[in-house]
Protein backbone atom coordinates (compact mmCIF):
# COMPACT_ATOMS: atom_id res chain seq x y z
CA MET A 1 -18.03 -31.35 14.62
CA ASP A 2 -20.76 -29.21 13.06
CA GLY A 3 -24.53 -29.61 13.09
CA SER A 4 -24.45 -32.02 10.17
CA GLY A 5 -22.70 -34.68 12.26
CA ILE A 6 -19.58 -34.55 10.11
CA ALA A 7 -16.34 -34.27 12.07
CA PRO A 8 -12.91 -33.44 10.67
CA CYS A 9 -10.70 -36.49 10.48
CA ALA A 10 -6.97 -37.05 10.37
CA PHE A 11 -5.45 -37.15 6.90
CA TYR A 12 -2.01 -38.49 6.12
CA CYS A 13 -0.55 -39.56 2.83
CA CYS A 14 2.59 -40.75 1.17
CA TYR A 15 3.25 -39.14 -2.18
CA LEU A 16 5.31 -39.54 -5.32
CA LEU A 17 6.62 -36.38 -6.98
CA ARG A 18 7.90 -36.23 -10.52
CA SER A 19 10.13 -33.39 -11.63
CA LEU A 20 8.95 -31.29 -14.58
CA LYS A 21 12.31 -29.65 -15.13
CA PRO A 22 13.75 -30.46 -18.60
CA GLY A 23 16.38 -33.16 -18.35
CA THR A 24 15.11 -34.49 -15.01
CA ARG A 25 11.55 -35.59 -15.91
CA ASP A 26 12.22 -39.18 -14.90
CA TYR A 27 13.46 -38.13 -11.45
CA VAL A 28 11.00 -38.92 -8.65
CA TYR A 29 10.87 -38.35 -4.92
CA VAL A 30 8.85 -40.18 -2.25
CA GLY A 31 7.76 -38.43 0.94
CA SER A 32 4.85 -38.16 3.38
CA THR A 33 2.75 -35.34 4.78
CA PRO A 34 -0.58 -34.52 6.48
CA ASN A 35 -1.00 -31.61 4.03
CA PRO A 36 -0.04 -32.47 0.43
CA VAL A 37 -1.08 -29.06 -0.92
CA ARG A 38 1.30 -27.19 1.36
CA ARG A 39 4.03 -29.80 0.88
CA LEU A 40 3.91 -29.51 -2.91
CA ARG A 41 4.27 -25.74 -2.62
CA GLN A 42 7.36 -26.31 -0.47
CA HIS A 43 8.84 -28.65 -3.06
CA ASN A 44 8.18 -26.09 -5.78
CA GLY A 45 9.79 -23.30 -3.75
CA GLU A 46 6.59 -21.26 -3.40
CA ILE A 47 6.90 -21.26 0.39
CA SER A 48 9.95 -21.78 2.57
CA ALA A 49 10.95 -24.70 4.80
CA GLY A 50 11.61 -28.32 3.91
CA ALA A 51 11.94 -29.96 0.51
CA PHE A 52 15.72 -29.47 0.37
CA THR A 53 16.52 -32.50 -1.76
CA THR A 54 14.24 -31.46 -4.64
CA ARG A 55 15.03 -27.76 -4.80
CA SER A 56 17.29 -28.15 -7.86
CA ARG A 57 14.60 -30.06 -9.78
CA ARG A 58 11.57 -27.82 -9.36
CA PRO A 59 8.74 -27.81 -10.35
CA CYS A 60 7.35 -31.20 -9.34
CA LYS A 61 4.08 -32.98 -10.01
CA ALA A 62 2.27 -35.22 -7.60
CA SER A 63 1.89 -38.61 -9.30
CA ALA A 64 0.70 -41.12 -6.72
CA LEU A 65 0.43 -41.97 -3.04
CA GLN A 66 1.95 -44.73 -0.94
CA PHE A 67 3.75 -45.81 2.19
CA GLU A 68 7.05 -44.00 2.61
CA TRP A 69 10.15 -45.93 3.63
CA ALA A 70 9.23 -49.18 1.93
CA TRP A 71 8.35 -47.27 -1.21
CA GLN A 72 11.58 -45.31 -1.05
CA ASN A 73 13.62 -48.48 -0.61
CA PRO A 74 11.99 -51.43 -2.40
CA HIS A 75 15.44 -53.00 -2.81
CA LEU A 76 15.79 -53.09 1.01
CA SER A 77 12.20 -53.86 1.97
CA ARG A 78 11.18 -57.39 2.96
CA HIS A 79 7.81 -56.75 1.30
CA SER A 80 9.42 -56.88 -2.14
CA SER A 81 12.15 -59.43 -1.46
CA VAL A 82 13.74 -61.38 -4.30
CA ASP A 83 11.95 -64.56 -3.21
CA SER A 84 8.50 -62.93 -3.29
CA VAL A 85 8.52 -61.36 -6.77
CA PRO A 86 9.18 -62.69 -10.31
CA LEU A 87 12.68 -62.38 -11.74
CA ASP A 88 11.78 -59.66 -14.26
CA VAL A 89 10.20 -57.58 -11.48
CA SER A 90 13.13 -58.03 -9.08
CA ARG A 91 15.54 -56.87 -11.78
CA VAL A 92 13.73 -53.53 -11.82
CA LEU A 93 13.16 -53.20 -8.06
CA TYR A 94 16.75 -54.19 -7.26
CA GLY A 95 18.31 -52.33 -10.17
CA ALA A 96 20.34 -49.13 -10.23
CA ARG A 97 17.43 -46.86 -11.22
CA GLN A 98 15.87 -46.45 -7.79
CA LYS A 99 14.87 -42.82 -8.45
CA GLN A 100 13.13 -43.56 -11.75
CA LEU A 101 9.37 -43.22 -12.23
CA ALA A 102 9.00 -46.72 -13.71
CA THR A 103 10.70 -48.29 -10.68
CA LYS A 104 8.47 -46.51 -8.18
CA LEU A 105 5.25 -47.28 -10.05
CA LEU A 106 6.17 -50.96 -10.23
CA ALA A 107 7.12 -50.96 -6.54
CA LEU A 108 3.73 -49.43 -5.74
CA SER A 109 1.81 -52.32 -7.32
CA VAL A 110 4.07 -54.98 -5.81
CA MET A 111 3.72 -53.59 -2.31
CA LEU A 112 -0.03 -53.02 -2.54
CA ALA A 113 -0.37 -56.75 -3.22
CA ALA A 114 1.86 -57.77 -0.28
CA PRO A 115 1.04 -58.10 3.44
CA PRO A 116 0.49 -56.05 5.48
CA PHE A 117 -0.24 -53.27 2.98
CA CYS A 118 -2.77 -55.36 1.04
CA PHE A 119 -4.98 -55.36 4.16
CA TRP A 120 -4.88 -51.60 4.73
CA PRO A 121 -7.81 -49.34 3.70
CA LEU A 122 -5.74 -47.42 1.16
CA ALA A 123 -6.79 -45.13 -1.68
CA ILE A 124 -4.46 -44.20 -4.52
CA ALA A 125 -4.99 -40.84 -6.23
CA CYS A 126 -3.22 -39.94 -9.46
CA PRO A 127 -3.91 -36.61 -11.22
CA ASP A 128 -2.42 -37.73 -14.54
CA PRO A 129 -4.98 -39.91 -16.42
CA VAL A 130 -2.30 -41.71 -18.44
CA LEU A 131 -0.27 -42.59 -15.35
CA CYS A 132 -3.47 -43.54 -13.51
CA ASP A 133 -4.35 -46.07 -16.22
CA ARG A 134 -0.79 -47.37 -16.09
CA VAL A 135 -0.97 -47.87 -12.33
CA ARG A 136 -4.37 -49.60 -12.58
CA THR A 137 -3.04 -51.98 -15.23
CA GLN A 138 -0.01 -52.87 -13.12
CA ALA A 139 -2.23 -53.31 -10.06
CA GLN A 140 -4.42 -55.82 -11.92
CA ARG A 141 -1.34 -57.70 -13.13
CA HIS A 142 -0.04 -58.02 -9.56
CA ARG A 143 -3.49 -58.85 -8.12
CA VAL A 144 -3.90 -55.85 -5.84
CA PRO A 145 -7.02 -56.40 -3.66
CA ARG A 146 -10.22 -54.79 -4.92
CA HIS A 147 -10.85 -52.77 -1.74
CA ILE A 148 -7.87 -50.55 -2.63
CA ALA A 149 -9.26 -47.72 -4.74
CA PHE A 150 -7.52 -46.05 -7.68
CA GLU A 151 -8.80 -42.60 -8.57
CA ASN A 152 -7.88 -40.11 -11.28
CA LYS A 153 -8.15 -37.01 -9.09
CA LYS A 154 -6.21 -33.88 -8.30
CA ILE A 155 -4.38 -34.31 -4.99
CA ALA A 156 -5.73 -31.02 -3.64
CA ARG A 157 -9.29 -32.21 -4.27
CA VAL A 158 -8.68 -35.50 -2.44
CA PHE A 159 -7.25 -33.59 0.54
CA GLU A 160 -10.11 -31.06 0.63
CA GLN A 161 -12.84 -33.70 0.30
CA THR A 162 -11.48 -36.07 2.96
CA PRO A 163 -13.45 -34.64 5.96
CA ALA A 164 -16.73 -35.00 4.06
CA HIS A 165 -16.17 -38.74 3.72
CA CYS A 166 -15.48 -39.32 7.43
CA MET A 167 -18.80 -39.58 9.24
CA TYR A 168 -18.36 -40.04 13.00
CA LEU A 169 -21.23 -42.18 14.25
CA GLY A 170 -21.23 -40.98 17.84
CA PRO A 171 -23.09 -43.06 20.46
CA PRO A 172 -25.76 -45.55 19.32
CA ALA A 173 -29.41 -44.65 19.74
CA PRO A 174 -31.07 -45.78 23.00
CA GLY A 175 -32.25 -49.36 22.63
CA GLU A 176 -30.36 -49.91 19.36
CA THR A 177 -29.26 -53.53 19.00
CA CYS A 178 -26.68 -55.48 17.02
CA SER A 179 -28.21 -57.02 13.90
CA ILE A 180 -26.06 -60.12 14.40
CA CYS A 181 -26.00 -60.97 18.13
CA HIS A 182 -29.08 -58.83 18.99
CA ALA A 183 -27.42 -57.45 22.14
CA LEU A 184 -27.67 -53.74 22.96
CA LEU A 185 -25.09 -51.47 21.35
CA ASP A 186 -23.07 -49.07 23.49
CA GLU A 187 -19.90 -47.01 23.13
CA ALA A 188 -17.95 -49.47 25.29
CA ARG A 189 -17.77 -51.88 22.34
CA PRO A 190 -16.81 -50.75 18.83
CA TRP A 191 -19.84 -50.69 16.55
CA GLY A 192 -20.76 -49.68 13.04
CA ALA A 193 -23.71 -49.06 10.76
CA CYS A 194 -24.46 -49.98 7.17
CA THR A 195 -24.74 -47.08 4.72
CA SER A 196 -27.08 -49.07 2.46
CA CYS A 197 -29.70 -50.14 5.01
CA ALA A 198 -30.72 -49.68 8.66
CA ALA A 199 -28.48 -52.44 10.03
CA SER A 200 -25.96 -51.81 12.80
CA TRP A 201 -23.62 -54.24 14.49
CA HIS A 202 -20.71 -54.72 16.85
CA LEU A 203 -17.57 -54.62 14.70
CA TYR A 204 -16.45 -57.84 16.39
CA CYS A 205 -19.67 -59.56 15.34
CA LEU A 206 -19.34 -58.26 11.79
CA ALA A 207 -15.72 -59.45 11.52
CA LYS A 208 -16.58 -62.84 13.00
CA SER A 209 -19.52 -63.39 10.66
CA THR A 210 -17.38 -62.41 7.66
CA SER A 211 -14.37 -64.56 8.59
CA GLY A 212 -16.67 -67.52 9.24
CA SER A 213 -18.14 -67.37 5.75
CA ALA A 214 -14.92 -67.91 3.77
CA ARG A 215 -11.95 -70.20 4.23
CA LEU A 216 -9.24 -67.71 3.29
CA THR A 217 -10.62 -64.54 4.90
CA PRO A 218 -8.00 -62.90 7.17
CA LEU A 219 -8.68 -62.43 10.89
CA ILE A 220 -9.29 -58.72 10.28
CA PRO A 221 -11.33 -58.39 7.08
CA THR A 222 -10.75 -55.80 4.36
CA ILE A 223 -14.31 -56.02 3.08
CA ALA A 224 -17.18 -57.30 5.21
CA SER A 225 -20.75 -58.10 4.22
CA CYS A 226 -23.72 -56.45 5.91
CA SER A 227 -25.70 -59.07 7.81
CA LEU A 228 -29.01 -57.59 6.65
CA CYS A 229 -28.67 -56.38 3.04
CA HIS A 230 -25.34 -58.11 2.23
CA ALA A 231 -23.83 -54.90 0.83
CA ASP A 232 -20.04 -54.59 0.92
CA VAL A 233 -18.70 -52.76 3.97
CA LEU A 234 -15.16 -51.40 3.74
CA TRP A 235 -13.59 -52.36 7.06
CA GLY A 236 -11.34 -49.31 7.28
CA GLN A 237 -14.27 -46.94 6.81
CA ALA A 238 -16.32 -48.78 9.43
CA VAL A 239 -13.53 -48.47 12.00
CA ARG A 240 -12.91 -44.79 11.20
CA ALA A 241 -16.61 -44.04 11.67
CA PHE A 242 -16.44 -45.40 15.23
CA VAL A 243 -13.22 -43.62 16.25
CA GLN A 244 -13.75 -39.93 17.03
CA PRO A 245 -11.35 -38.13 14.67
CA GLU A 246 -8.97 -35.30 15.38
CA TRP A 247 -7.03 -32.88 13.19
CA HIS A 248 -3.29 -33.46 12.92
CA TYR A 249 -1.08 -30.74 11.47
């Protein structure tokens, strides 16, 4: 942590690579890494180690991010089972073209709309504006929750900017109280603070007040509402701000 109060946080992503080699442009590969910049260089043969299965199809282009095994195997995953998706969608997900770009992009939208992934604080980055619009359109069609962000950004920029978005709160100020239950805050109980006003709360109190205000809100919310200014609070960001982060290589 530096003097600004910003601490480095763990970053981990799943990624979709598309080959740029003539004749293999529809070939895609799904993997995961804590360092997408280094991993892409490995896939493209710029540095040694790893990326064996794509060495004959270099160079590759990062297209999107997602969860690894289920994204690699939508035809085997219970999250995209035949009973849970329309017939026209299942024909693609369960078809022979598992390594095709269209299959993986469709699988992405289907899985983002399915539990448990629809509750996760995910962000999808796509450097290609055309593909990004395509993914957004599919996400709307499959009713992907609104807390999941879709950004047209270079992957390297997302990776480099991640620490700046992870503000570790540290201990509460002496005498600081929960805006909901009005009890004193301390590090023994997870707590958070609103970025739009001066409110702070126990995360338990925030979750309870949110789940009590809507019939279909899950036990752990994806988006909460500040008790003071009623601004949206992304649950994943609130939890990350309480947990002291560490670098993982």
